[in-house]
Structure formats: C-alpha cells, structure tokens
Amino acid sequence: MKKSIALIALILSSGATFSQSTYQVTTAGQNYTLAQVQTAIESANFCGYFYSDERHLLLFDDGTEVELKSNDELLIEGVTLDTTCVTADRKENPVVWAIAANGTILRGGTSTNKQNRLK
C-alpha cells in the first residue's frame, strides 16, 4: 500500500514539472481572452526567443504583454530548455505579435511606437 501511494505521488509530482509554464501573461489586452493567449502561446514554438538571464517581452497588437521566462528562472523551477532555444543575443526587435482567428501566433511587422519594442 505504501509503495502504491509513493508511486502515485511520484507520478503526480513529475506531471507538475511538465506542466510548469515557460511564460507569464503580464498585461491583458483588448481583443484576446486569457484563454486564447494561453492556448496560442502554449502551442507556439518560441525556441530561440528565450534569453539566458532575462525575460523576453512579447507585445501583441491588442496591448497584451507576455514575458518568456529566462533560462535561469526556468532552471530554478525545474524546467530544462534545449540549449539551442536559449540565446544571449538581445536584438531590439520592433515586432508586434498577433493571434490569428485559428489560434496561431503571428509574428507581425515592425512598429513605429518605441513602447512596442521587444526588450
């Protein structure tokens, strides 16, 4: 009986590791629901957009702000990214992101508003 309980606890705790989030929605925008943002982010491949020691801010066309957690932060949380997904190159990209009607993340064009620049 004790072995069964320990096995169940181990399975549940390992499932929690896989469900940990690599991002945080910091500001809700006007057009997308939180569920839409979460679904779109979780189904997108942001490999190459993670910084080693700093969060990466993604700005959306409706004002939504999402921060990809840093690799250092994810390691503390027990989440390991492939090394090819982490970059030290912090180019300032004036990109505005969007979510298509089918839920796909769209990497938009450049923005002339300095507040809409990725950090």
PDB file of N, CA and C in Angstrom:
ATOM      1  N   MET A   1       0.817  -1.197   0.000  1.00  0.00           N
ATOM      2  CA  MET A   1       0.000   0.000   0.000  1.00  0.00           C
ATOM      3  C   MET A   1       0.863   1.264   0.000  1.00  0.00           C
ATOM      4  N   LYS A   2       1.901   1.266   0.857  1.00  0.00           N
ATOM      5  CA  LYS A   2       2.779   2.434   0.923  1.00  0.00           C
ATOM      6  C   LYS A   2       3.509   2.639  -0.407  1.00  0.00           C
ATOM      7  N   LYS A   3       3.879   1.533  -1.070  1.00  0.00           N
ATOM      8  CA  LYS A   3       4.565   1.647  -2.350  1.00  0.00           C
ATOM      9  C   LYS A   3       3.643   2.252  -3.395  1.00  0.00           C
ATOM     10  N   SER A   4       2.365   1.894  -3.360  1.00  0.00           N
ATOM     11  CA  SER A   4       1.407   2.444  -4.310  1.00  0.00           C
ATOM     12  C   SER A   4       1.228   3.940  -4.111  1.00  0.00           C
ATOM     13  N   ILE A   5       1.135   4.357  -2.863  1.00  0.00           N
ATOM     14  CA  ILE A   5       0.970   5.781  -2.555  1.00  0.00           C
ATOM     15  C   ILE A   5       2.216   6.550  -2.995  1.00  0.00           C
ATOM     16  N   ALA A   6       3.391   5.996  -2.744  1.00  0.00           N
ATOM     17  CA  ALA A   6       4.635   6.657  -3.158  1.00  0.00           C
ATOM     18  C   ALA A   6       4.716   6.761  -4.673  1.00  0.00           C
ATOM     19  N   LEU A   7       4.305   5.711  -5.380  1.00  0.00           N
ATOM     20  CA  LEU A   7       4.325   5.724  -6.833  1.00  0.00           C
ATOM     21  C   LEU A   7       3.359   6.768  -7.391  1.00  0.00           C
ATOM     22  N   ILE A   8       2.174   6.848  -6.819  1.00  0.00           N
ATOM     23  CA  ILE A   8       1.192   7.846  -7.251  1.00  0.00           C
ATOM     24  C   ILE A   8       1.721   9.256  -7.004  1.00  0.00           C
ATOM     25  N   ALA A   9       2.325   9.482  -5.850  1.00  0.00           N
ATOM     26  CA  ALA A   9       2.886  10.797  -5.533  1.00  0.00           C
ATOM     27  C   ALA A   9       3.998  11.161  -6.511  1.00  0.00           C
ATOM     28  N   LEU A  10       4.833  10.190  -6.874  1.00  0.00           N
ATOM     29  CA  LEU A  10       5.907  10.426  -7.827  1.00  0.00           C
ATOM     30  C   LEU A  10       5.364  10.788  -9.199  1.00  0.00           C
ATOM     31  N   ILE A  11       4.343  10.091  -9.639  1.00  0.00           N
ATOM     32  CA  ILE A  11       3.727  10.377 -10.939  1.00  0.00           C
ATOM     33  C   ILE A  11       3.117  11.764 -10.952  1.00  0.00           C
ATOM     34  N   LEU A  12       2.408  12.103  -9.894  1.00  0.00           N
ATOM     35  CA  LEU A  12       1.780  13.425  -9.828  1.00  0.00           C
ATOM     36  C   LEU A  12       2.818  14.537  -9.777  1.00  0.00           C
ATOM     37  N   SER A  13       3.899  14.347  -9.042  1.00  0.00           N
ATOM     38  CA  SER A  13       4.906  15.400  -8.953  1.00  0.00           C
ATOM     39  C   SER A  13       5.662  15.549 -10.256  1.00  0.00           C
ATOM     40  N   SER A  14       5.907  14.457 -10.984  1.00  0.00           N
ATOM     41  CA  SER A  14       6.590  14.587 -12.267  1.00  0.00           C
ATOM     42  C   SER A  14       5.679  15.237 -13.297  1.00  0.00           C
ATOM     43  N   GLY A  15       4.386  15.045 -13.206  1.00  0.00           N
ATOM     44  CA  GLY A  15       3.436  15.711 -14.094  1.00  0.00           C
ATOM     45  C   GLY A  15       3.425  17.201 -13.863  1.00  0.00           C
ATOM     46  N   ALA A  16       3.620  17.614 -12.624  1.00  0.00           N
ATOM     47  CA  ALA A  16       3.655  19.038 -12.303  1.00  0.00           C
ATOM     48  C   ALA A  16       4.859  19.706 -12.957  1.00  0.00           C
ATOM     49  N   THR A  17       5.970  18.975 -13.063  1.00  0.00           N
ATOM     50  CA  THR A  17       7.160  19.529 -13.704  1.00  0.00           C
ATOM     51  C   THR A  17       6.892  19.824 -15.166  1.00  0.00           C
ATOM     52  N   PHE A  18       6.218  18.920 -15.856  1.00  0.00           N
ATOM     53  CA  PHE A  18       5.954  19.116 -17.269  1.00  0.00           C
ATOM     54  C   PHE A  18       4.926  20.213 -17.510  1.00  0.00           C
ATOM     55  N   SER A  19       4.057  20.467 -16.546  1.00  0.00           N
ATOM     56  CA  SER A  19       3.008  21.457 -16.761  1.00  0.00           C
ATOM     57  C   SER A  19       3.460  22.864 -16.372  1.00  0.00           C
ATOM     58  N   GLN A  20       4.692  23.012 -15.876  1.00  0.00           N
ATOM     59  CA  GLN A  20       5.169  24.331 -15.497  1.00  0.00           C
ATOM     60  C   GLN A  20       5.239  25.223 -16.721  1.00  0.00           C
ATOM     61  N   SER A  21       4.922  26.458 -16.541  1.00  0.00           N
ATOM     62  CA  SER A  21       4.839  27.398 -17.641  1.00  0.00           C
ATOM     63  C   SER A  21       6.176  28.061 -17.931  1.00  0.00           C
ATOM     64  N   THR A  22       6.451  28.284 -19.195  1.00  0.00           N
ATOM     65  CA  THR A  22       7.672  28.968 -19.619  1.00  0.00           C
ATOM     66  C   THR A  22       7.426  30.453 -19.866  1.00  0.00           C
ATOM     67  N   TYR A  23       6.239  30.924 -19.543  1.00  0.00           N
ATOM     68  CA  TYR A  23       5.875  32.308 -19.818  1.00  0.00           C
ATOM     69  C   TYR A  23       4.944  32.838 -18.734  1.00  0.00           C
ATOM     70  N   GLN A  24       4.723  34.149 -18.755  1.00  0.00           N
ATOM     71  CA  GLN A  24       3.765  34.782 -17.856  1.00  0.00           C
ATOM     72  C   GLN A  24       3.055  35.893 -18.613  1.00  0.00           C
ATOM     73  N   VAL A  25       1.732  35.880 -18.580  1.00  0.00           N
ATOM     74  CA  VAL A  25       0.950  36.969 -19.165  1.00  0.00           C
ATOM     75  C   VAL A  25       0.936  38.083 -18.125  1.00  0.00           C
ATOM     76  N   THR A  26       1.539  39.228 -18.473  1.00  0.00           N
ATOM     77  CA  THR A  26       1.661  40.316 -17.502  1.00  0.00           C
ATOM     78  C   THR A  26       0.611  41.409 -17.685  1.00  0.00           C
ATOM     79  N   THR A  27       0.091  41.544 -18.908  1.00  0.00           N
ATOM     80  CA  THR A  27      -0.929  42.554 -19.178  1.00  0.00           C
ATOM     81  C   THR A  27      -1.963  41.982 -20.141  1.00  0.00           C
ATOM     82  N   ALA A  28      -3.226  42.105 -19.778  1.00  0.00           N
ATOM     83  CA  ALA A  28      -4.304  41.663 -20.668  1.00  0.00           C
ATOM     84  C   ALA A  28      -4.616  42.780 -21.655  1.00  0.00           C
ATOM     85  N   GLY A  29      -4.836  42.400 -22.888  1.00  0.00           N
ATOM     86  CA  GLY A  29      -5.150  43.372 -23.923  1.00  0.00           C
ATOM     87  C   GLY A  29      -6.647  43.502 -24.144  1.00  0.00           C
ATOM     88  N   GLN A  30      -7.011  44.110 -25.259  1.00  0.00           N
ATOM     89  CA  GLN A  30      -8.402  44.416 -25.569  1.00  0.00           C
ATOM     90  C   GLN A  30      -9.122  43.322 -26.352  1.00  0.00           C
ATOM     91  N   ASN A  31      -8.406  42.584 -27.210  1.00  0.00           N
ATOM     92  CA  ASN A  31      -9.081  41.686 -28.150  1.00  0.00           C
ATOM     93  C   ASN A  31      -9.038  40.213 -27.805  1.00  0.00           C
ATOM     94  N   TYR A  32      -7.995  39.758 -27.120  1.00  0.00           N
ATOM     95  CA  TYR A  32      -7.826  38.333 -26.853  1.00  0.00           C
ATOM     96  C   TYR A  32      -8.156  38.011 -25.402  1.00  0.00           C
ATOM     97  N   THR A  33      -8.829  36.882 -25.213  1.00  0.00           N
ATOM     98  CA  THR A  33      -9.091  36.425 -23.848  1.00  0.00           C
ATOM     99  C   THR A  33      -7.818  35.788 -23.300  1.00  0.00           C
ATOM    100  N   LEU A  34      -7.752  35.634 -22.000  1.00  0.00           N
ATOM    101  CA  LEU A  34      -6.610  34.980 -21.378  1.00  0.00           C
ATOM    102  C   LEU A  34      -6.472  33.554 -21.912  1.00  0.00           C
ATOM    103  N   ALA A  35      -7.585  32.874 -22.092  1.00  0.00           N
ATOM    104  CA  ALA A  35      -7.565  31.510 -22.615  1.00  0.00           C
ATOM    105  C   ALA A  35      -6.998  31.468 -24.033  1.00  0.00           C
ATOM    106  N   GLN A  36      -7.370  32.433 -24.870  1.00  0.00           N
ATOM    107  CA  GLN A  36      -6.832  32.488 -26.235  1.00  0.00           C
ATOM    108  C   GLN A  36      -5.316  32.700 -26.221  1.00  0.00           C
ATOM    109  N   VAL A  37      -4.865  33.598 -25.373  1.00  0.00           N
ATOM    110  CA  VAL A  37      -3.436  33.885 -25.282  1.00  0.00           C
ATOM    111  C   VAL A  37      -2.687  32.647 -24.796  1.00  0.00           C
ATOM    112  N   GLN A  38      -3.192  32.032 -23.733  1.00  0.00           N
ATOM    113  CA  GLN A  38      -2.528  30.853 -23.185  1.00  0.00           C
ATOM    114  C   GLN A  38      -2.466  29.714 -24.203  1.00  0.00           C
ATOM    115  N   THR A  39      -3.567  29.450 -24.881  1.00  0.00           N
ATOM    116  CA  THR A  39      -3.598  28.378 -25.878  1.00  0.00           C
ATOM    117  C   THR A  39      -2.632  28.662 -27.017  1.00  0.00           C
ATOM    118  N   ALA A  40      -2.612  29.892 -27.491  1.00  0.00           N
ATOM    119  CA  ALA A  40      -1.730  30.266 -28.602  1.00  0.00           C
ATOM    120  C   ALA A  40      -0.260  30.159 -28.201  1.00  0.00           C
ATOM    121  N   ILE A  41       0.079  30.672 -27.030  1.00  0.00           N
ATOM    122  CA  ILE A  41       1.469  30.636 -26.566  1.00  0.00           C
ATOM    123  C   ILE A  41       1.915  29.193 -26.357  1.00  0.00           C
ATOM    124  N   GLU A  42       1.076  28.379 -25.736  1.00  0.00           N
ATOM    125  CA  GLU A  42       1.449  27.002 -25.433  1.00  0.00           C
ATOM    126  C   GLU A  42       1.582  26.135 -26.681  1.00  0.00           C
ATOM    127  N   SER A  43       0.928  26.505 -27.771  1.00  0.00           N
ATOM    128  CA  SER A  43       1.036  25.715 -28.995  1.00  0.00           C
ATOM    129  C   SER A  43       2.103  26.255 -29.949  1.00  0.00           C
ATOM    130  N   ALA A  44       2.681  27.405 -29.627  1.00  0.00           N
ATOM    131  CA  ALA A  44       3.705  28.010 -30.481  1.00  0.00           C
ATOM    132  C   ALA A  44       5.097  27.507 -30.093  1.00  0.00           C
ATOM    133  N   ASN A  45       6.027  27.601 -31.022  1.00  0.00           N
ATOM    134  CA  ASN A  45       7.408  27.223 -30.775  1.00  0.00           C
ATOM    135  C   ASN A  45       8.237  28.496 -30.624  1.00  0.00           C
ATOM    136  N   PHE A  46       8.640  28.808 -29.406  1.00  0.00           N
ATOM    137  CA  PHE A  46       9.434  30.006 -29.142  1.00  0.00           C
ATOM    138  C   PHE A  46      10.913  29.680 -28.959  1.00  0.00           C
ATOM    139  N   CYS A  47      11.342  28.550 -29.492  1.00  0.00           N
ATOM    140  CA  CYS A  47      12.753  28.181 -29.442  1.00  0.00           C
ATOM    141  C   CYS A  47      13.564  29.286 -30.134  1.00  0.00           C
ATOM    142  N   GLY A  48      14.593  29.755 -29.458  1.00  0.00           N
ATOM    143  CA  GLY A  48      15.411  30.847 -29.986  1.00  0.00           C
ATOM    144  C   GLY A  48      15.011  32.205 -29.452  1.00  0.00           C
ATOM    145  N   TYR A  49      13.882  32.267 -28.745  1.00  0.00           N
ATOM    146  CA  TYR A  49      13.411  33.532 -28.183  1.00  0.00           C
ATOM    147  C   TYR A  49      13.672  33.648 -26.681  1.00  0.00           C
ATOM    148  N   PHE A  50      14.201  32.599 -26.066  1.00  0.00           N
ATOM    149  CA  PHE A  50      14.472  32.625 -24.630  1.00  0.00           C
ATOM    150  C   PHE A  50      15.856  33.198 -24.388  1.00  0.00           C
ATOM    151  N   TYR A  51      15.947  34.147 -23.440  1.00  0.00           N
ATOM    152  CA  TYR A  51      17.221  34.711 -23.045  1.00  0.00           C
ATOM    153  C   TYR A  51      17.761  33.906 -21.866  1.00  0.00           C
ATOM    154  N   SER A  52      19.064  33.915 -21.697  1.00  0.00           N
ATOM    155  CA  SER A  52      19.654  33.118 -20.634  1.00  0.00           C
ATOM    156  C   SER A  52      19.349  33.682 -19.241  1.00  0.00           C
ATOM    157  N   ASP A  53      19.427  34.996 -19.073  1.00  0.00           N
ATOM    158  CA  ASP A  53      19.305  35.554 -17.730  1.00  0.00           C
ATOM    159  C   ASP A  53      18.289  36.697 -17.607  1.00  0.00           C
ATOM    160  N   GLU A  54      17.443  36.846 -18.601  1.00  0.00           N
ATOM    161  CA  GLU A  54      16.471  37.941 -18.595  1.00  0.00           C
ATOM    162  C   GLU A  54      15.197  37.494 -19.307  1.00  0.00           C
ATOM    163  N   ARG A  55      14.068  37.984 -18.833  1.00  0.00           N
ATOM    164  CA  ARG A  55      12.803  37.670 -19.505  1.00  0.00           C
ATOM    165  C   ARG A  55      12.717  38.399 -20.844  1.00  0.00           C
ATOM    166  N   HIS A  56      11.991  37.802 -21.779  1.00  0.00           N
ATOM    167  CA  HIS A  56      11.816  38.384 -23.113  1.00  0.00           C
ATOM    168  C   HIS A  56      10.363  38.839 -23.240  1.00  0.00           C
ATOM    169  N   LEU A  57      10.154  40.105 -23.430  1.00  0.00           N
ATOM    170  CA  LEU A  57       8.812  40.682 -23.513  1.00  0.00           C
ATOM    171  C   LEU A  57       8.271  40.574 -24.931  1.00  0.00           C
ATOM    172  N   LEU A  58       7.077  39.988 -25.057  1.00  0.00           N
ATOM    173  CA  LEU A  58       6.373  39.907 -26.331  1.00  0.00           C
ATOM    174  C   LEU A  58       5.162  40.822 -26.241  1.00  0.00           C
ATOM    175  N   LEU A  59       5.049  41.754 -27.171  1.00  0.00           N
ATOM    176  CA  LEU A  59       3.940  42.702 -27.190  1.00  0.00           C
ATOM    177  C   LEU A  59       2.993  42.347 -28.327  1.00  0.00           C
ATOM    178  N   PHE A  60       1.701  42.309 -28.025  1.00  0.00           N
ATOM    179  CA  PHE A  60       0.689  41.938 -29.010  1.00  0.00           C
ATOM    180  C   PHE A  60      -0.066  43.166 -29.503  1.00  0.00           C
ATOM    181  N   ASP A  61      -0.707  43.009 -30.644  1.00  0.00           N
ATOM    182  CA  ASP A  61      -1.386  44.122 -31.306  1.00  0.00           C
ATOM    183  C   ASP A  61      -2.546  44.702 -30.515  1.00  0.00           C
ATOM    184  N   ASP A  62      -3.040  43.976 -29.513  1.00  0.00           N
ATOM    185  CA  ASP A  62      -4.158  44.480 -28.709  1.00  0.00           C
ATOM    186  C   ASP A  62      -3.712  45.012 -27.348  1.00  0.00           C
ATOM    187  N   GLY A  63      -2.401  45.056 -27.126  1.00  0.00           N
ATOM    188  CA  GLY A  63      -1.884  45.541 -25.848  1.00  0.00           C
ATOM    189  C   GLY A  63      -1.502  44.439 -24.874  1.00  0.00           C
ATOM    190  N   THR A  64      -1.767  43.189 -25.215  1.00  0.00           N
ATOM    191  CA  THR A  64      -1.369  42.072 -24.369  1.00  0.00           C
ATOM    192  C   THR A  64       0.146  42.033 -24.275  1.00  0.00           C
ATOM    193  N   GLU A  65       0.648  41.767 -23.071  1.00  0.00           N
ATOM    194  CA  GLU A  65       2.077  41.611 -22.860  1.00  0.00           C
ATOM    195  C   GLU A  65       2.334  40.243 -22.238  1.00  0.00           C
ATOM    196  N   VAL A  66       3.262  39.510 -22.844  1.00  0.00           N
ATOM    197  CA  VAL A  66       3.644  38.182 -22.374  1.00  0.00           C
ATOM    198  C   VAL A  66       5.149  38.180 -22.201  1.00  0.00           C
ATOM    199  N   GLU A  67       5.616  37.672 -21.070  1.00  0.00           N
ATOM    200  CA  GLU A  67       7.044  37.561 -20.839  1.00  0.00           C
ATOM    201  C   GLU A  67       7.446  36.095 -20.903  1.00  0.00           C
ATOM    202  N   LEU A  68       8.403  35.773 -21.785  1.00  0.00           N
ATOM    203  CA  LEU A  68       9.002  34.449 -21.778  1.00  0.00           C
ATOM    204  C   LEU A  68      10.011  34.446 -20.640  1.00  0.00           C
ATOM    205  N   LYS A  69       9.917  33.476 -19.761  1.00  0.00           N
ATOM    206  CA  LYS A  69      10.819  33.417 -18.619  1.00  0.00           C
ATOM    207  C   LYS A  69      12.250  33.152 -19.083  1.00  0.00           C
ATOM    208  N   SER A  70      13.204  33.623 -18.299  1.00  0.00           N
ATOM    209  CA  SER A  70      14.610  33.403 -18.646  1.00  0.00           C
ATOM    210  C   SER A  70      14.985  31.945 -18.403  1.00  0.00           C
ATOM    211  N   ASN A  71      16.036  31.508 -19.067  1.00  0.00           N
ATOM    212  CA  ASN A  71      16.516  30.143 -18.871  1.00  0.00           C
ATOM    213  C   ASN A  71      16.926  29.926 -17.416  1.00  0.00           C
ATOM    214  N   ASP A  72      17.575  30.916 -16.809  1.00  0.00           N
ATOM    215  CA  ASP A  72      17.970  30.800 -15.400  1.00  0.00           C
ATOM    216  C   ASP A  72      16.753  30.586 -14.506  1.00  0.00           C
ATOM    217  N   GLU A  73      15.709  31.341 -14.749  1.00  0.00           N
ATOM    218  CA  GLU A  73      14.474  31.232 -13.964  1.00  0.00           C
ATOM    219  C   GLU A  73      13.828  29.858 -14.159  1.00  0.00           C
ATOM    220  N   LEU A  74      13.819  29.382 -15.399  1.00  0.00           N
ATOM    221  CA  LEU A  74      13.222  28.076 -15.687  1.00  0.00           C
ATOM    222  C   LEU A  74      14.002  26.946 -15.029  1.00  0.00           C
ATOM    223  N   LEU A  75      15.320  27.054 -15.011  1.00  0.00           N
ATOM    224  CA  LEU A  75      16.133  26.032 -14.353  1.00  0.00           C
ATOM    225  C   LEU A  75      15.811  25.942 -12.867  1.00  0.00           C
ATOM    226  N   ILE A  76      15.615  27.091 -12.222  1.00  0.00           N
ATOM    227  CA  ILE A  76      15.244  27.123 -10.804  1.00  0.00           C
ATOM    228  C   ILE A  76      13.898  26.431 -10.594  1.00  0.00           C
ATOM    229  N   GLU A  77      12.986  26.587 -11.570  1.00  0.00           N
ATOM    230  CA  GLU A  77      11.656  25.967 -11.491  1.00  0.00           C
ATOM    231  C   GLU A  77      11.676  24.500 -11.916  1.00  0.00           C
ATOM    232  N   GLY A  78      12.838  24.010 -12.329  1.00  0.00           N
ATOM    233  CA  GLY A  78      12.948  22.615 -12.725  1.00  0.00           C
ATOM    234  C   GLY A  78      12.620  22.340 -14.177  1.00  0.00           C
ATOM    235  N   VAL A  79      12.576  23.387 -15.003  1.00  0.00           N
ATOM    236  CA  VAL A  79      12.281  23.239 -16.428  1.00  0.00           C
ATOM    237  C   VAL A  79      13.583  23.413 -17.207  1.00  0.00           C
ATOM    238  N   THR A  80      13.916  22.435 -18.040  1.00  0.00           N
ATOM    239  CA  THR A  80      15.139  22.492 -18.826  1.00  0.00           C
ATOM    240  C   THR A  80      14.803  22.696 -20.295  1.00  0.00           C
ATOM    241  N   LEU A  81      15.347  23.760 -20.877  1.00  0.00           N
ATOM    242  CA  LEU A  81      15.185  24.028 -22.300  1.00  0.00           C
ATOM    243  C   LEU A  81      16.358  23.434 -23.059  1.00  0.00           C
ATOM    244  N   ASP A  82      16.136  23.069 -24.302  1.00  0.00           N
ATOM    245  CA  ASP A  82      17.223  22.673 -25.175  1.00  0.00           C
ATOM    246  C   ASP A  82      18.155  23.873 -25.321  1.00  0.00           C
ATOM    247  N   THR A  83      19.454  23.654 -25.301  1.00  0.00           N
ATOM    248  CA  THR A  83      20.410  24.768 -25.353  1.00  0.00           C
ATOM    249  C   THR A  83      20.277  25.594 -26.630  1.00  0.00           C
ATOM    250  N   THR A  84      19.753  25.007 -27.695  1.00  0.00           N
ATOM    251  CA  THR A  84      19.580  25.760 -28.940  1.00  0.00           C
ATOM    252  C   THR A  84      18.414  26.743 -28.858  1.00  0.00           C
ATOM    253  N   CYS A  85      17.592  26.615 -27.833  1.00  0.00           N
ATOM    254  CA  CYS A  85      16.439  27.510 -27.671  1.00  0.00           C
ATOM    255  C   CYS A  85      16.773  28.767 -26.877  1.00  0.00           C
ATOM    256  N   VAL A  86      17.964  28.807 -26.307  1.00  0.00           N
ATOM    257  CA  VAL A  86      18.370  29.934 -25.468  1.00  0.00           C
ATOM    258  C   VAL A  86      19.402  30.762 -26.213  1.00  0.00           C
ATOM    259  N   THR A  87      19.196  32.073 -26.205  1.00  0.00           N
ATOM    260  CA  THR A  87      20.111  32.974 -26.905  1.00  0.00           C
ATOM    261  C   THR A  87      20.605  34.070 -25.968  1.00  0.00           C
ATOM    262  N   ALA A  88      21.827  34.505 -26.207  1.00  0.00           N
ATOM    263  CA  ALA A  88      22.380  35.634 -25.458  1.00  0.00           C
ATOM    264  C   ALA A  88      22.234  36.913 -26.273  1.00  0.00           C
ATOM    265  N   ASP A  89      21.809  36.782 -27.523  1.00  0.00           N
ATOM    266  CA  ASP A  89      21.676  37.917 -28.437  1.00  0.00           C
ATOM    267  C   ASP A  89      20.347  38.616 -28.195  1.00  0.00           C
ATOM    268  N   ARG A  90      20.392  39.797 -27.609  1.00  0.00           N
ATOM    269  CA  ARG A  90      19.181  40.546 -27.292  1.00  0.00           C
ATOM    270  C   ARG A  90      18.972  41.670 -28.293  1.00  0.00           C
ATOM    271  N   LYS A  91      18.628  41.313 -29.492  1.00  0.00           N
ATOM    272  CA  LYS A  91      18.354  42.330 -30.507  1.00  0.00           C
ATOM    273  C   LYS A  91      17.060  43.049 -30.154  1.00  0.00           C
ATOM    274  N   GLU A  92      17.050  44.331 -30.373  1.00  0.00           N
ATOM    275  CA  GLU A  92      15.823  45.082 -30.138  1.00  0.00           C
ATOM    276  C   GLU A  92      14.973  44.971 -31.394  1.00  0.00           C
ATOM    277  N   ASN A  93      13.957  44.153 -31.314  1.00  0.00           N
ATOM    278  CA  ASN A  93      13.096  43.890 -32.466  1.00  0.00           C
ATOM    279  C   ASN A  93      11.767  44.608 -32.298  1.00  0.00           C
ATOM    280  N   PRO A  94      11.503  45.585 -33.121  1.00  0.00           N
ATOM    281  CA  PRO A  94      10.214  46.276 -33.020  1.00  0.00           C
ATOM    282  C   PRO A  94       9.090  45.437 -33.656  1.00  0.00           C
ATOM    283  N   VAL A  95       8.828  44.279 -33.068  1.00  0.00           N
ATOM    284  CA  VAL A  95       7.836  43.355 -33.613  1.00  0.00           C
ATOM    285  C   VAL A  95       6.577  43.397 -32.761  1.00  0.00           C
ATOM    286  N   VAL A  96       5.447  43.391 -33.421  1.00  0.00           N
ATOM    287  CA  VAL A  96       4.167  43.294 -32.729  1.00  0.00           C
ATOM    288  C   VAL A  96       3.565  41.948 -33.112  1.00  0.00           C
ATOM    289  N   TRP A  97       3.208  41.172 -32.105  1.00  0.00           N
ATOM    290  CA  TRP A  97       2.653  39.839 -32.311  1.00  0.00           C
ATOM    291  C   TRP A  97       1.139  39.916 -32.387  1.00  0.00           C
ATOM    292  N   ALA A  98       0.524  38.882 -32.954  1.00  0.00           N
ATOM    293  CA  ALA A  98      -0.939  38.810 -33.052  1.00  0.00           C
ATOM    294  C   ALA A  98      -1.353  37.349 -32.939  1.00  0.00           C
ATOM    295  N   ILE A  99      -2.632  37.137 -32.745  1.00  0.00           N
ATOM    296  CA  ILE A  99      -3.203  35.794 -32.723  1.00  0.00           C
ATOM    297  C   ILE A  99      -4.246  35.728 -33.832  1.00  0.00           C
ATOM    298  N   ALA A 100      -4.049  34.785 -34.742  1.00  0.00           N
ATOM    299  CA  ALA A 100      -4.976  34.613 -35.869  1.00  0.00           C
ATOM    300  C   ALA A 100      -6.286  34.003 -35.384  1.00  0.00           C
ATOM    301  N   ALA A 101      -7.292  34.057 -36.224  1.00  0.00           N
ATOM    302  CA  ALA A 101      -8.607  33.502 -35.883  1.00  0.00           C
ATOM    303  C   ALA A 101      -8.532  32.012 -35.544  1.00  0.00           C
ATOM    304  N   ASN A 102      -7.571  31.295 -36.150  1.00  0.00           N
ATOM    305  CA  ASN A 102      -7.425  29.861 -35.865  1.00  0.00           C
ATOM    306  C   ASN A 102      -6.563  29.593 -34.633  1.00  0.00           C
ATOM    307  N   GLY A 103      -6.105  30.644 -33.943  1.00  0.00           N
ATOM    308  CA  GLY A 103      -5.335  30.492 -32.713  1.00  0.00           C
ATOM    309  C   GLY A 103      -3.836  30.459 -32.886  1.00  0.00           C
ATOM    310  N   THR A 104      -3.378  30.615 -34.116  1.00  0.00           N
ATOM    311  CA  THR A 104      -1.947  30.601 -34.395  1.00  0.00           C
ATOM    312  C   THR A 104      -1.318  31.938 -34.036  1.00  0.00           C
ATOM    313  N   ILE A 105      -0.113  31.893 -33.463  1.00  0.00           N
ATOM    314  CA  ILE A 105       0.637  33.118 -33.169  1.00  0.00           C
ATOM    315  C   ILE A 105       1.208  33.649 -34.481  1.00  0.00           C
ATOM    316  N   LEU A 106       1.038  34.951 -34.708  1.00  0.00           N
ATOM    317  CA  LEU A 106       1.570  35.595 -35.901  1.00  0.00           C
ATOM    318  C   LEU A 106       2.649  36.586 -35.483  1.00  0.00           C
ATOM    319  N   ARG A 107       3.807  36.475 -36.089  1.00  0.00           N
ATOM    320  CA  ARG A 107       4.886  37.428 -35.842  1.00  0.00           C
ATOM    321  C   ARG A 107       4.695  38.562 -36.832  1.00  0.00           C
ATOM    322  N   GLY A 108       4.314  39.729 -36.311  1.00  0.00           N
ATOM    323  CA  GLY A 108       3.955  40.839 -37.169  1.00  0.00           C
ATOM    324  C   GLY A 108       5.135  41.627 -37.672  1.00  0.00           C
ATOM    325  N   GLY A 109       4.804  42.730 -38.320  1.00  0.00           N
ATOM    326  CA  GLY A 109       5.814  43.626 -38.860  1.00  0.00           C
ATOM    327  C   GLY A 109       6.371  44.526 -37.789  1.00  0.00           C
ATOM    328  N   THR A 110       7.109  45.496 -38.219  1.00  0.00           N
ATOM    329  CA  THR A 110       7.729  46.416 -37.278  1.00  0.00           C
ATOM    330  C   THR A 110       6.726  47.451 -36.794  1.00  0.00           C
ATOM    331  N   SER A 111       7.024  47.984 -35.643  1.00  0.00           N
ATOM    332  CA  SER A 111       6.196  49.012 -35.034  1.00  0.00           C
ATOM    333  C   SER A 111       6.989  50.303 -34.964  1.00  0.00           C
ATOM    334  N   THR A 112       6.320  51.404 -35.193  1.00  0.00           N
ATOM    335  CA  THR A 112       6.989  52.700 -35.074  1.00  0.00           C
ATOM    336  C   THR A 112       6.911  53.231 -33.656  1.00  0.00           C
ATOM    337  N   ASN A 113       6.093  52.621 -32.820  1.00  0.00           N
ATOM    338  CA  ASN A 113       5.946  53.041 -31.429  1.00  0.00           C
ATOM    339  C   ASN A 113       7.053  52.412 -30.597  1.00  0.00           C
ATOM    340  N   LYS A 114       7.917  53.219 -29.976  1.00  0.00           N
ATOM    341  CA  LYS A 114       9.038  52.693 -29.183  1.00  0.00           C
ATOM    342  C   LYS A 114       8.541  51.843 -28.015  1.00  0.00           C
ATOM    343  N   GLN A 115       7.341  52.071 -27.515  1.00  0.00           N
ATOM    344  CA  GLN A 115       6.814  51.277 -26.421  1.00  0.00           C
ATOM    345  C   GLN A 115       6.484  49.863 -26.858  1.00  0.00           C
ATOM    346  N   ASN A 116       6.348  49.622 -28.146  1.00  0.00           N
ATOM    347  CA  ASN A 116       6.016  48.298 -28.655  1.00  0.00           C
ATOM    348  C   ASN A 116       7.253  47.494 -29.062  1.00  0.00           C
ATOM    349  N   ARG A 117       8.412  47.895 -28.616  1.00  0.00           N
ATOM    350  CA  ARG A 117       9.634  47.178 -28.948  1.00  0.00           C
ATOM    351  C   ARG A 117       9.885  46.076 -27.923  1.00  0.00           C
ATOM    352  N   LEU A 118      10.382  44.940 -28.409  1.00  0.00           N
ATOM    353  CA  LEU A 118      10.747  43.853 -27.506  1.00  0.00           C
ATOM    354  C   LEU A 118      11.935  44.271 -26.683  1.00  0.00           C
ATOM    355  N   LYS A 119      11.955  43.834 -25.452  1.00  0.00           N
ATOM    356  CA  LYS A 119      13.098  44.144 -24.569  1.00  0.00           C
ATOM    357  C   LYS A 119      14.103  43.038 -24.667  1.00  0.00           C
TER     358      LYS A 119
END
